[in-house]
Amino acid sequence: MIGPRLVALTIALLSCVPAGAVAQTTPAPPANDAQGTRPWIVGGVLSTSSLGDCTDCEITTYRHTGSALINAGWSINPRADLGAEMLWVASRTAGNDRIRVSFLMASAQFRPWRTRGFFLKTGAGMAFVHNYVLDEGEAGETAFRSKAFALALGAGWEWRLARRLGAQVIGAQHVAALGDMQTSDRVVENVVGNFWSVGAAIVIR
């Protein structure tokens, strides 16, 4: 009587071993699921074209120059990032006057697909303008120094090169709403600076 009972007990114990082994070897959650606590930083260089506009201006002059971009923040989940963005644009007029525009804004980035690198981004904040030049046609050029409300929209693609290192290509438009400005002989209404940029950046996240 003891023999059959022992065999039955042994079979029952052995049948439990695979279940325990499977439970112990269950894969850990993907690393991406923990990205909500990770900081990130982006730094890159872009080619930027700018154009000033206003209500009654005949604008014909585009300016082309280089610019520098820095983003930093935290990933709130595997698809969305929140942070801050700075875009610095410097160029020169035909008279060799230096124009500097610095965008400082809060930014958000969203990836529609977790397995693909495409992303959308937007931002809002301030633009700090030094010697911004508005071409007024036959009346000449007028330079301004001002602060302005700023908006940005963009899109791009990100590649993972290593565990924490990646690269991006980016295209974006930044708009600085300078408002009404007083020249030597009149008020220029609704002055707006448009900046279109395309470039590449390194990502650490």
N, C-alpha and C. Protein backbone atom coordinates (compact mmCIF):
# COMPACT_ATOMS: atom_id res chain seq x y z
N MET A 1 0.82 -1.23 0.00
CA MET A 1 0.00 0.00 0.00
C MET A 1 0.84 1.26 0.00
N ILE A 2 2.00 1.17 0.68
CA ILE A 2 2.85 2.36 0.72
C ILE A 2 3.46 2.66 -0.64
N GLY A 3 3.80 1.61 -1.37
CA GLY A 3 4.43 1.82 -2.67
C GLY A 3 3.58 2.63 -3.64
N PRO A 4 2.33 2.28 -3.94
CA PRO A 4 1.52 3.07 -4.87
C PRO A 4 1.28 4.50 -4.41
N ARG A 5 1.12 4.66 -3.09
CA ARG A 5 0.91 6.03 -2.60
C ARG A 5 2.15 6.88 -2.81
N LEU A 6 3.32 6.32 -2.59
CA LEU A 6 4.56 7.06 -2.80
C LEU A 6 4.75 7.43 -4.25
N VAL A 7 4.42 6.48 -5.14
CA VAL A 7 4.53 6.77 -6.59
C VAL A 7 3.59 7.90 -6.98
N ALA A 8 2.36 7.83 -6.46
CA ALA A 8 1.39 8.88 -6.80
C ALA A 8 1.84 10.24 -6.29
N LEU A 9 2.40 10.26 -5.07
CA LEU A 9 2.89 11.53 -4.52
C LEU A 9 4.06 12.06 -5.31
N THR A 10 4.95 11.18 -5.74
CA THR A 10 6.11 11.59 -6.54
C THR A 10 5.67 12.19 -7.87
N ILE A 11 4.70 11.54 -8.51
CA ILE A 11 4.19 12.06 -9.80
C ILE A 11 3.56 13.43 -9.62
N ALA A 12 2.82 13.59 -8.52
CA ALA A 12 2.17 14.89 -8.26
C ALA A 12 3.19 15.99 -8.05
N LEU A 13 4.29 15.67 -7.31
CA LEU A 13 5.33 16.67 -7.08
C LEU A 13 6.06 17.03 -8.37
N LEU A 14 6.35 16.01 -9.16
CA LEU A 14 7.05 16.28 -10.43
C LEU A 14 6.19 17.11 -11.38
N SER A 15 4.89 16.90 -11.34
CA SER A 15 4.01 17.67 -12.23
C SER A 15 3.97 19.14 -11.86
N CYS A 16 4.36 19.46 -10.63
CA CYS A 16 4.37 20.87 -10.20
C CYS A 16 5.66 21.58 -10.61
N VAL A 17 6.71 20.87 -10.92
CA VAL A 17 8.00 21.49 -11.21
C VAL A 17 7.96 22.39 -12.44
N PRO A 18 7.43 21.96 -13.58
CA PRO A 18 7.40 22.86 -14.75
C PRO A 18 6.64 24.16 -14.49
N ALA A 19 5.52 24.07 -13.77
CA ALA A 19 4.76 25.28 -13.48
C ALA A 19 5.58 26.24 -12.67
N GLY A 20 6.32 25.76 -11.68
CA GLY A 20 7.16 26.64 -10.87
C GLY A 20 8.28 27.23 -11.68
N ALA A 21 8.89 26.44 -12.56
CA ALA A 21 9.98 26.94 -13.39
C ALA A 21 9.51 28.02 -14.33
N VAL A 22 8.32 27.81 -14.91
CA VAL A 22 7.77 28.83 -15.81
C VAL A 22 7.52 30.13 -15.07
N ALA A 23 6.97 30.00 -13.84
CA ALA A 23 6.68 31.20 -13.07
C ALA A 23 7.95 31.97 -12.75
N GLN A 24 9.07 31.28 -12.52
CA GLN A 24 10.30 31.94 -12.16
C GLN A 24 11.01 32.56 -13.35
N THR A 25 10.74 32.07 -14.57
CA THR A 25 11.45 32.57 -15.75
C THR A 25 10.59 33.50 -16.60
N THR A 26 9.49 34.01 -16.07
CA THR A 26 8.66 34.96 -16.81
C THR A 26 9.48 36.21 -17.13
N PRO A 27 9.52 36.66 -18.39
CA PRO A 27 10.33 37.82 -18.76
C PRO A 27 9.94 39.06 -17.97
N ALA A 28 10.93 39.89 -17.63
CA ALA A 28 10.67 41.15 -16.95
C ALA A 28 10.02 42.13 -17.92
N PRO A 29 9.27 43.11 -17.42
CA PRO A 29 8.66 44.12 -18.30
C PRO A 29 9.72 44.81 -19.14
N PRO A 30 9.38 45.22 -20.38
CA PRO A 30 10.35 45.93 -21.23
C PRO A 30 10.89 47.17 -20.55
N ALA A 31 12.15 47.50 -20.87
CA ALA A 31 12.78 48.67 -20.26
C ALA A 31 12.04 49.94 -20.59
N ASN A 32 11.38 49.98 -21.76
CA ASN A 32 10.68 51.20 -22.15
C ASN A 32 9.57 51.56 -21.19
N ASP A 33 9.01 50.54 -20.46
CA ASP A 33 7.90 50.82 -19.55
C ASP A 33 8.34 51.67 -18.37
N ALA A 34 9.67 51.76 -18.13
CA ALA A 34 10.16 52.54 -17.00
C ALA A 34 10.67 53.91 -17.40
N GLN A 35 10.42 54.31 -18.65
CA GLN A 35 10.97 55.57 -19.12
C GLN A 35 10.30 56.79 -18.49
N GLY A 36 9.20 56.59 -17.77
CA GLY A 36 8.52 57.72 -17.17
C GLY A 36 9.37 58.44 -16.14
N THR A 37 10.40 57.80 -15.62
CA THR A 37 11.25 58.43 -14.62
C THR A 37 12.57 58.90 -15.19
N ARG A 38 12.75 58.85 -16.48
CA ARG A 38 14.04 59.16 -17.08
C ARG A 38 14.11 60.60 -17.61
N PRO A 39 15.18 61.30 -17.29
CA PRO A 39 15.40 62.60 -17.92
C PRO A 39 15.96 62.40 -19.31
N TRP A 40 15.89 63.43 -20.15
CA TRP A 40 16.47 63.38 -21.49
C TRP A 40 16.98 64.76 -21.86
N ILE A 41 17.89 64.77 -22.80
CA ILE A 41 18.43 66.03 -23.32
C ILE A 41 18.71 65.87 -24.81
N VAL A 42 18.44 66.91 -25.56
CA VAL A 42 18.65 66.93 -27.02
C VAL A 42 19.47 68.16 -27.36
N GLY A 43 20.49 67.99 -28.18
CA GLY A 43 21.28 69.11 -28.66
C GLY A 43 21.59 68.94 -30.13
N GLY A 44 21.39 70.00 -30.92
CA GLY A 44 21.62 69.87 -32.35
C GLY A 44 21.84 71.20 -33.04
N VAL A 45 22.12 71.12 -34.33
CA VAL A 45 22.31 72.29 -35.18
C VAL A 45 21.31 72.22 -36.33
N LEU A 46 20.82 73.40 -36.73
CA LEU A 46 19.80 73.47 -37.76
C LEU A 46 20.14 74.55 -38.78
N SER A 47 19.54 74.44 -39.94
CA SER A 47 19.57 75.50 -40.94
C SER A 47 18.22 76.22 -40.89
N THR A 48 18.26 77.54 -40.70
CA THR A 48 17.04 78.31 -40.47
C THR A 48 16.86 79.41 -41.51
N SER A 49 15.65 79.51 -42.01
CA SER A 49 15.26 80.63 -42.88
C SER A 49 14.22 81.46 -42.14
N SER A 50 14.38 82.78 -42.19
CA SER A 50 13.47 83.66 -41.46
C SER A 50 12.87 84.71 -42.39
N LEU A 51 11.68 85.18 -42.00
CA LEU A 51 10.98 86.20 -42.78
C LEU A 51 10.15 87.04 -41.82
N GLY A 52 10.30 88.38 -41.91
CA GLY A 52 9.48 89.29 -41.12
C GLY A 52 8.26 89.70 -41.91
N ASP A 53 7.16 89.94 -41.21
CA ASP A 53 5.93 90.34 -41.88
C ASP A 53 5.16 91.29 -40.97
N CYS A 54 4.28 92.09 -41.57
CA CYS A 54 3.39 92.96 -40.82
C CYS A 54 2.17 93.27 -41.68
N THR A 55 1.23 94.04 -41.13
CA THR A 55 -0.05 94.25 -41.82
C THR A 55 0.13 94.93 -43.18
N ASP A 56 0.94 95.99 -43.25
CA ASP A 56 1.05 96.76 -44.49
C ASP A 56 2.43 96.66 -45.13
N CYS A 57 3.21 95.66 -44.77
CA CYS A 57 4.58 95.55 -45.31
C CYS A 57 4.61 94.73 -46.59
N GLU A 58 5.50 95.13 -47.48
CA GLU A 58 5.78 94.34 -48.67
C GLU A 58 7.08 93.58 -48.41
N ILE A 59 6.93 92.37 -47.92
CA ILE A 59 8.09 91.60 -47.48
C ILE A 59 8.59 90.72 -48.61
N THR A 60 9.85 90.86 -48.93
CA THR A 60 10.43 90.07 -50.02
C THR A 60 11.76 89.43 -49.62
N THR A 61 12.29 89.72 -48.45
CA THR A 61 13.63 89.28 -48.10
C THR A 61 13.59 88.13 -47.10
N TYR A 62 14.07 86.96 -47.53
CA TYR A 62 14.30 85.84 -46.63
C TYR A 62 15.76 85.87 -46.19
N ARG A 63 16.01 85.52 -44.95
CA ARG A 63 17.38 85.41 -44.45
C ARG A 63 17.64 83.96 -44.08
N HIS A 64 18.83 83.47 -44.44
CA HIS A 64 19.20 82.08 -44.19
C HIS A 64 20.44 82.05 -43.31
N THR A 65 20.39 81.23 -42.27
CA THR A 65 21.50 81.18 -41.33
C THR A 65 21.48 79.86 -40.60
N GLY A 66 22.46 79.64 -39.75
CA GLY A 66 22.48 78.48 -38.88
C GLY A 66 21.87 78.81 -37.53
N SER A 67 21.48 77.78 -36.78
CA SER A 67 20.91 77.97 -35.45
C SER A 67 21.28 76.78 -34.58
N ALA A 68 21.11 76.95 -33.27
CA ALA A 68 21.42 75.90 -32.29
C ALA A 68 20.17 75.60 -31.48
N LEU A 69 19.94 74.30 -31.23
CA LEU A 69 18.74 73.85 -30.51
C LEU A 69 19.15 73.02 -29.30
N ILE A 70 18.53 73.31 -28.14
CA ILE A 70 18.70 72.49 -26.94
C ILE A 70 17.32 72.22 -26.34
N ASN A 71 17.03 70.94 -26.09
CA ASN A 71 15.82 70.51 -25.40
C ASN A 71 16.22 69.70 -24.18
N ALA A 72 15.46 69.80 -23.10
CA ALA A 72 15.70 68.98 -21.92
C ALA A 72 14.40 68.80 -21.17
N GLY A 73 14.26 67.65 -20.50
CA GLY A 73 13.04 67.41 -19.74
C GLY A 73 12.97 66.00 -19.22
N TRP A 74 11.72 65.51 -19.03
CA TRP A 74 11.46 64.18 -18.49
C TRP A 74 10.43 63.48 -19.36
N SER A 75 10.58 62.17 -19.51
CA SER A 75 9.58 61.35 -20.19
C SER A 75 8.49 61.00 -19.19
N ILE A 76 7.24 61.36 -19.49
CA ILE A 76 6.16 61.06 -18.56
C ILE A 76 5.56 59.68 -18.82
N ASN A 77 5.76 59.13 -20.03
CA ASN A 77 5.41 57.75 -20.35
C ASN A 77 6.15 57.38 -21.63
N PRO A 78 6.06 56.12 -22.11
CA PRO A 78 6.83 55.74 -23.29
C PRO A 78 6.52 56.52 -24.56
N ARG A 79 5.43 57.30 -24.59
CA ARG A 79 5.06 58.02 -25.80
C ARG A 79 5.18 59.53 -25.69
N ALA A 80 5.26 60.06 -24.49
CA ALA A 80 5.16 61.52 -24.32
C ALA A 80 6.30 62.05 -23.46
N ASP A 81 6.81 63.23 -23.86
CA ASP A 81 7.85 63.94 -23.12
C ASP A 81 7.40 65.36 -22.83
N LEU A 82 7.80 65.88 -21.69
CA LEU A 82 7.60 67.28 -21.34
C LEU A 82 8.95 67.89 -20.99
N GLY A 83 9.14 69.16 -21.36
CA GLY A 83 10.42 69.79 -21.04
C GLY A 83 10.46 71.25 -21.46
N ALA A 84 11.67 71.71 -21.71
CA ALA A 84 11.92 73.09 -22.12
C ALA A 84 12.78 73.08 -23.38
N GLU A 85 12.63 74.11 -24.18
CA GLU A 85 13.37 74.21 -25.45
C GLU A 85 13.98 75.60 -25.59
N MET A 86 15.20 75.64 -26.10
CA MET A 86 15.83 76.90 -26.46
C MET A 86 16.35 76.81 -27.88
N LEU A 87 15.96 77.74 -28.72
CA LEU A 87 16.48 77.86 -30.08
C LEU A 87 17.15 79.22 -30.21
N TRP A 88 18.40 79.22 -30.63
CA TRP A 88 19.18 80.45 -30.79
C TRP A 88 19.50 80.64 -32.26
N VAL A 89 19.07 81.79 -32.80
CA VAL A 89 19.25 82.10 -34.22
C VAL A 89 20.04 83.40 -34.33
N ALA A 90 21.11 83.40 -35.10
CA ALA A 90 21.91 84.61 -35.31
C ALA A 90 22.17 84.78 -36.80
N SER A 91 21.99 85.98 -37.30
CA SER A 91 22.25 86.28 -38.72
C SER A 91 22.72 87.72 -38.84
N ARG A 92 22.99 88.15 -40.06
CA ARG A 92 23.44 89.51 -40.31
C ARG A 92 22.64 90.12 -41.45
N THR A 93 22.46 91.43 -41.38
CA THR A 93 21.77 92.15 -42.45
C THR A 93 22.75 92.47 -43.57
N ALA A 94 22.21 93.08 -44.63
CA ALA A 94 23.07 93.49 -45.73
C ALA A 94 24.09 94.53 -45.28
N GLY A 95 23.75 95.31 -44.25
CA GLY A 95 24.68 96.28 -43.70
C GLY A 95 25.59 95.73 -42.63
N ASN A 96 25.61 94.39 -42.50
CA ASN A 96 26.48 93.68 -41.55
C ASN A 96 26.08 93.91 -40.09
N ASP A 97 24.82 94.29 -39.85
CA ASP A 97 24.32 94.37 -38.48
C ASP A 97 23.92 92.98 -38.01
N ARG A 98 24.25 92.67 -36.76
CA ARG A 98 23.99 91.34 -36.22
C ARG A 98 22.58 91.26 -35.65
N ILE A 99 21.82 90.23 -36.04
CA ILE A 99 20.48 89.98 -35.54
C ILE A 99 20.52 88.72 -34.69
N ARG A 100 19.97 88.80 -33.47
CA ARG A 100 19.93 87.63 -32.60
C ARG A 100 18.50 87.45 -32.07
N VAL A 101 18.01 86.22 -32.18
CA VAL A 101 16.70 85.87 -31.66
C VAL A 101 16.85 84.59 -30.85
N SER A 102 16.39 84.62 -29.59
CA SER A 102 16.47 83.46 -28.71
C SER A 102 15.05 83.06 -28.30
N PHE A 103 14.67 81.85 -28.63
CA PHE A 103 13.37 81.31 -28.22
C PHE A 103 13.57 80.48 -26.95
N LEU A 104 12.79 80.78 -25.91
CA LEU A 104 12.82 80.01 -24.67
C LEU A 104 11.37 79.64 -24.35
N MET A 105 11.06 78.34 -24.38
CA MET A 105 9.67 77.94 -24.26
C MET A 105 9.52 76.56 -23.62
N ALA A 106 8.34 76.31 -23.08
CA ALA A 106 7.97 74.98 -22.65
C ALA A 106 7.61 74.15 -23.88
N SER A 107 7.94 72.86 -23.84
CA SER A 107 7.71 72.03 -25.02
C SER A 107 7.12 70.69 -24.62
N ALA A 108 6.42 70.07 -25.57
CA ALA A 108 5.85 68.74 -25.41
C ALA A 108 6.11 67.95 -26.68
N GLN A 109 6.40 66.68 -26.52
CA GLN A 109 6.69 65.81 -27.66
C GLN A 109 5.88 64.54 -27.53
N PHE A 110 5.31 64.08 -28.65
CA PHE A 110 4.44 62.90 -28.64
C PHE A 110 4.82 61.95 -29.75
N ARG A 111 4.91 60.66 -29.43
CA ARG A 111 5.21 59.62 -30.41
C ARG A 111 3.95 58.79 -30.62
N PRO A 112 3.30 58.88 -31.79
CA PRO A 112 2.06 58.12 -32.03
C PRO A 112 2.25 56.61 -31.94
N TRP A 113 3.43 56.10 -32.36
CA TRP A 113 3.71 54.66 -32.35
C TRP A 113 4.93 54.38 -31.49
N ARG A 114 4.79 53.45 -30.54
CA ARG A 114 5.90 53.13 -29.65
C ARG A 114 7.04 52.43 -30.37
N THR A 115 6.74 51.70 -31.46
CA THR A 115 7.77 50.93 -32.15
C THR A 115 8.38 51.67 -33.33
N ARG A 116 7.98 52.90 -33.56
CA ARG A 116 8.53 53.69 -34.66
C ARG A 116 9.08 55.00 -34.12
N GLY A 117 9.98 55.61 -34.91
CA GLY A 117 10.68 56.79 -34.42
C GLY A 117 10.01 58.11 -34.70
N PHE A 118 8.87 58.13 -35.40
CA PHE A 118 8.23 59.40 -35.75
C PHE A 118 7.70 60.10 -34.50
N PHE A 119 7.87 61.43 -34.42
CA PHE A 119 7.34 62.19 -33.30
C PHE A 119 6.83 63.55 -33.77
N LEU A 120 5.90 64.10 -32.98
CA LEU A 120 5.38 65.45 -33.17
C LEU A 120 5.75 66.27 -31.94
N LYS A 121 5.98 67.56 -32.11
CA LYS A 121 6.33 68.41 -30.97
C LYS A 121 5.70 69.78 -31.11
N THR A 122 5.48 70.42 -29.99
CA THR A 122 4.93 71.76 -29.97
C THR A 122 5.49 72.50 -28.76
N GLY A 123 5.40 73.82 -28.79
CA GLY A 123 5.94 74.60 -27.68
C GLY A 123 5.34 75.99 -27.65
N ALA A 124 5.44 76.63 -26.48
CA ALA A 124 4.97 78.01 -26.32
C ALA A 124 5.82 78.68 -25.26
N GLY A 125 6.09 79.97 -25.46
CA GLY A 125 6.91 80.70 -24.51
C GLY A 125 7.22 82.09 -24.99
N MET A 126 8.50 82.49 -24.88
CA MET A 126 8.92 83.84 -25.22
C MET A 126 10.07 83.80 -26.22
N ALA A 127 10.13 84.85 -27.04
CA ALA A 127 11.27 85.08 -27.93
C ALA A 127 11.91 86.41 -27.53
N PHE A 128 13.21 86.39 -27.35
CA PHE A 128 13.97 87.58 -26.97
C PHE A 128 14.74 88.05 -28.21
N VAL A 129 14.40 89.25 -28.67
CA VAL A 129 14.84 89.73 -29.97
C VAL A 129 15.80 90.89 -29.79
N HIS A 130 16.97 90.80 -30.43
CA HIS A 130 17.94 91.89 -30.40
C HIS A 130 18.26 92.30 -31.84
N ASN A 131 17.92 93.54 -32.15
CA ASN A 131 18.22 94.12 -33.46
C ASN A 131 17.51 93.39 -34.59
N TYR A 132 16.27 92.95 -34.33
CA TYR A 132 15.49 92.31 -35.39
C TYR A 132 15.18 93.34 -36.48
N VAL A 133 15.36 92.97 -37.73
CA VAL A 133 15.22 93.91 -38.84
C VAL A 133 13.97 93.59 -39.64
N LEU A 134 13.14 94.60 -39.80
CA LEU A 134 11.94 94.50 -40.63
C LEU A 134 12.17 95.29 -41.91
N ASP A 135 12.11 94.61 -43.04
CA ASP A 135 12.30 95.26 -44.33
C ASP A 135 11.00 95.95 -44.73
N GLU A 136 11.04 97.29 -44.85
CA GLU A 136 9.85 98.06 -45.18
C GLU A 136 9.85 98.55 -46.64
N GLY A 137 10.50 97.80 -47.50
CA GLY A 137 10.50 98.17 -48.91
C GLY A 137 11.28 99.44 -49.17
N GLU A 138 10.68 100.39 -49.87
CA GLU A 138 11.35 101.63 -50.22
C GLU A 138 11.68 102.49 -49.00
N ALA A 139 10.97 102.27 -47.91
CA ALA A 139 11.23 103.05 -46.70
C ALA A 139 12.50 102.59 -45.99
N GLY A 140 13.06 101.48 -46.42
CA GLY A 140 14.30 101.00 -45.83
C GLY A 140 14.08 99.92 -44.79
N GLU A 141 15.03 99.79 -43.87
CA GLU A 141 14.96 98.78 -42.83
C GLU A 141 14.89 99.44 -41.45
N THR A 142 14.11 98.84 -40.57
CA THR A 142 14.00 99.33 -39.21
C THR A 142 14.37 98.21 -38.26
N ALA A 143 15.25 98.49 -37.30
CA ALA A 143 15.71 97.48 -36.35
C ALA A 143 14.98 97.63 -35.02
N PHE A 144 14.61 96.50 -34.41
CA PHE A 144 13.88 96.49 -33.16
C PHE A 144 14.61 95.63 -32.14
N ARG A 145 14.39 95.97 -30.89
CA ARG A 145 14.82 95.12 -29.77
C ARG A 145 13.60 94.92 -28.89
N SER A 146 13.19 93.66 -28.69
CA SER A 146 11.91 93.44 -28.05
C SER A 146 11.82 92.03 -27.49
N LYS A 147 10.76 91.79 -26.71
CA LYS A 147 10.34 90.46 -26.31
C LYS A 147 9.02 90.15 -27.00
N ALA A 148 8.77 88.88 -27.28
CA ALA A 148 7.58 88.53 -28.04
C ALA A 148 7.04 87.18 -27.58
N PHE A 149 5.71 87.02 -27.69
CA PHE A 149 5.10 85.71 -27.47
C PHE A 149 5.49 84.80 -28.61
N ALA A 150 5.83 83.53 -28.31
CA ALA A 150 6.34 82.62 -29.32
C ALA A 150 5.61 81.29 -29.29
N LEU A 151 5.44 80.71 -30.47
CA LEU A 151 4.86 79.38 -30.64
C LEU A 151 5.76 78.57 -31.56
N ALA A 152 5.69 77.24 -31.41
CA ALA A 152 6.49 76.36 -32.27
C ALA A 152 5.72 75.09 -32.57
N LEU A 153 5.90 74.59 -33.79
CA LEU A 153 5.37 73.30 -34.23
C LEU A 153 6.46 72.57 -34.98
N GLY A 154 6.53 71.25 -34.80
CA GLY A 154 7.56 70.52 -35.51
C GLY A 154 7.27 69.03 -35.56
N ALA A 155 8.12 68.33 -36.30
CA ALA A 155 8.03 66.88 -36.42
C ALA A 155 9.42 66.36 -36.76
N GLY A 156 9.60 65.06 -36.55
CA GLY A 156 10.90 64.48 -36.85
C GLY A 156 10.89 62.98 -36.69
N TRP A 157 12.10 62.41 -36.73
CA TRP A 157 12.28 60.96 -36.60
C TRP A 157 13.49 60.72 -35.72
N GLU A 158 13.35 59.77 -34.80
CA GLU A 158 14.43 59.46 -33.86
C GLU A 158 14.89 58.02 -34.04
N TRP A 159 16.21 57.82 -34.01
CA TRP A 159 16.82 56.49 -34.07
C TRP A 159 17.53 56.20 -32.75
N ARG A 160 17.45 54.95 -32.28
CA ARG A 160 18.19 54.53 -31.12
C ARG A 160 19.54 53.96 -31.59
N LEU A 161 20.63 54.59 -31.17
CA LEU A 161 21.98 54.15 -31.55
C LEU A 161 22.60 53.24 -30.50
N ALA A 162 22.26 53.47 -29.24
CA ALA A 162 22.75 52.66 -28.13
C ALA A 162 21.68 52.70 -27.05
N ARG A 163 21.98 52.13 -25.87
CA ARG A 163 20.97 52.02 -24.81
C ARG A 163 20.41 53.38 -24.40
N ARG A 164 21.25 54.38 -24.24
CA ARG A 164 20.80 55.71 -23.82
C ARG A 164 21.08 56.78 -24.87
N LEU A 165 21.61 56.41 -26.02
CA LEU A 165 22.02 57.38 -27.04
C LEU A 165 21.22 57.21 -28.31
N GLY A 166 20.78 58.34 -28.89
CA GLY A 166 20.03 58.31 -30.13
C GLY A 166 20.33 59.52 -30.99
N ALA A 167 19.64 59.60 -32.13
CA ALA A 167 19.80 60.73 -33.06
C ALA A 167 18.44 61.09 -33.62
N GLN A 168 18.29 62.36 -33.97
CA GLN A 168 17.04 62.86 -34.53
C GLN A 168 17.30 63.67 -35.79
N VAL A 169 16.34 63.65 -36.70
CA VAL A 169 16.22 64.68 -37.73
C VAL A 169 14.94 65.45 -37.41
N ILE A 170 14.99 66.78 -37.56
CA ILE A 170 13.91 67.64 -37.08
C ILE A 170 13.56 68.68 -38.13
N GLY A 171 12.29 68.97 -38.25
CA GLY A 171 11.81 70.11 -39.01
C GLY A 171 10.83 70.88 -38.14
N ALA A 172 10.93 72.21 -38.10
CA ALA A 172 10.07 72.98 -37.20
C ALA A 172 9.85 74.39 -37.72
N GLN A 173 8.75 74.99 -37.28
CA GLN A 173 8.49 76.41 -37.51
C GLN A 173 8.30 77.09 -36.16
N HIS A 174 9.03 78.19 -35.96
CA HIS A 174 8.88 79.03 -34.77
C HIS A 174 8.34 80.38 -35.21
N VAL A 175 7.39 80.89 -34.45
CA VAL A 175 6.75 82.18 -34.76
C VAL A 175 6.88 83.09 -33.56
N ALA A 176 7.36 84.32 -33.79
CA ALA A 176 7.48 85.34 -32.74
C ALA A 176 6.52 86.48 -33.07
N ALA A 177 5.53 86.70 -32.22
CA ALA A 177 4.54 87.76 -32.42
C ALA A 177 5.03 89.02 -31.71
N LEU A 178 5.65 89.92 -32.48
CA LEU A 178 6.26 91.12 -31.90
C LEU A 178 5.26 92.24 -31.65
N GLY A 179 4.09 92.18 -32.28
CA GLY A 179 3.06 93.19 -32.05
C GLY A 179 3.31 94.47 -32.83
N ASP A 180 2.74 95.59 -32.37
CA ASP A 180 2.90 96.89 -33.04
C ASP A 180 4.21 97.54 -32.60
N MET A 181 4.93 98.13 -33.56
CA MET A 181 6.21 98.76 -33.26
C MET A 181 6.29 100.15 -33.86
N GLN A 182 6.89 101.05 -33.14
CA GLN A 182 7.00 102.45 -33.56
C GLN A 182 8.32 102.67 -34.29
N THR A 183 8.22 103.13 -35.53
CA THR A 183 9.41 103.53 -36.29
C THR A 183 9.55 105.05 -36.16
N SER A 184 10.47 105.61 -36.94
CA SER A 184 10.70 107.06 -36.85
C SER A 184 9.53 107.88 -37.36
N ASP A 185 8.69 107.31 -38.24
CA ASP A 185 7.61 108.10 -38.81
C ASP A 185 6.23 107.45 -38.74
N ARG A 186 6.12 106.21 -38.24
CA ARG A 186 4.81 105.57 -38.20
C ARG A 186 4.83 104.37 -37.26
N VAL A 187 3.63 103.83 -37.02
CA VAL A 187 3.49 102.60 -36.23
C VAL A 187 3.33 101.43 -37.20
N VAL A 188 4.19 100.46 -37.06
CA VAL A 188 4.11 99.24 -37.88
C VAL A 188 3.26 98.24 -37.10
N GLU A 189 2.15 97.82 -37.69
CA GLU A 189 1.19 96.98 -36.98
C GLU A 189 1.43 95.50 -37.22
N ASN A 190 1.20 94.72 -36.16
CA ASN A 190 1.19 93.25 -36.23
C ASN A 190 2.47 92.68 -36.84
N VAL A 191 3.59 93.03 -36.26
CA VAL A 191 4.87 92.53 -36.73
C VAL A 191 5.05 91.08 -36.25
N VAL A 192 5.39 90.20 -37.17
CA VAL A 192 5.56 88.77 -36.87
C VAL A 192 6.85 88.29 -37.52
N GLY A 193 7.62 87.51 -36.78
CA GLY A 193 8.80 86.87 -37.33
C GLY A 193 8.56 85.38 -37.48
N ASN A 194 8.78 84.85 -38.67
CA ASN A 194 8.62 83.42 -38.95
C ASN A 194 10.00 82.79 -39.17
N PHE A 195 10.22 81.64 -38.54
CA PHE A 195 11.50 80.95 -38.63
C PHE A 195 11.25 79.48 -38.96
N TRP A 196 11.76 79.05 -40.12
CA TRP A 196 11.62 77.66 -40.54
C TRP A 196 12.99 76.99 -40.43
N SER A 197 13.03 75.84 -39.75
CA SER A 197 14.31 75.20 -39.48
C SER A 197 14.26 73.72 -39.82
N VAL A 198 15.41 73.18 -40.25
CA VAL A 198 15.57 71.75 -40.46
C VAL A 198 16.98 71.38 -40.07
N GLY A 199 17.16 70.24 -39.42
CA GLY A 199 18.50 69.87 -38.97
C GLY A 199 18.53 68.54 -38.27
N ALA A 200 19.59 68.31 -37.51
CA ALA A 200 19.83 67.03 -36.83
C ALA A 200 20.29 67.28 -35.42
N ALA A 201 20.07 66.29 -34.55
CA ALA A 201 20.42 66.44 -33.14
C ALA A 201 20.81 65.09 -32.55
N ILE A 202 21.56 65.14 -31.45
CA ILE A 202 21.90 63.97 -30.65
C ILE A 202 20.98 63.92 -29.44
N VAL A 203 20.54 62.72 -29.07
CA VAL A 203 19.58 62.52 -27.98
C VAL A 203 20.22 61.64 -26.92
N ILE A 204 20.12 62.06 -25.66
CA ILE A 204 20.50 61.23 -24.52
C ILE A 204 19.27 61.08 -23.65
N ARG A 205 18.81 59.81 -23.48
CA ARG A 205 17.61 59.59 -22.67
C ARG A 205 17.72 58.26 -21.92
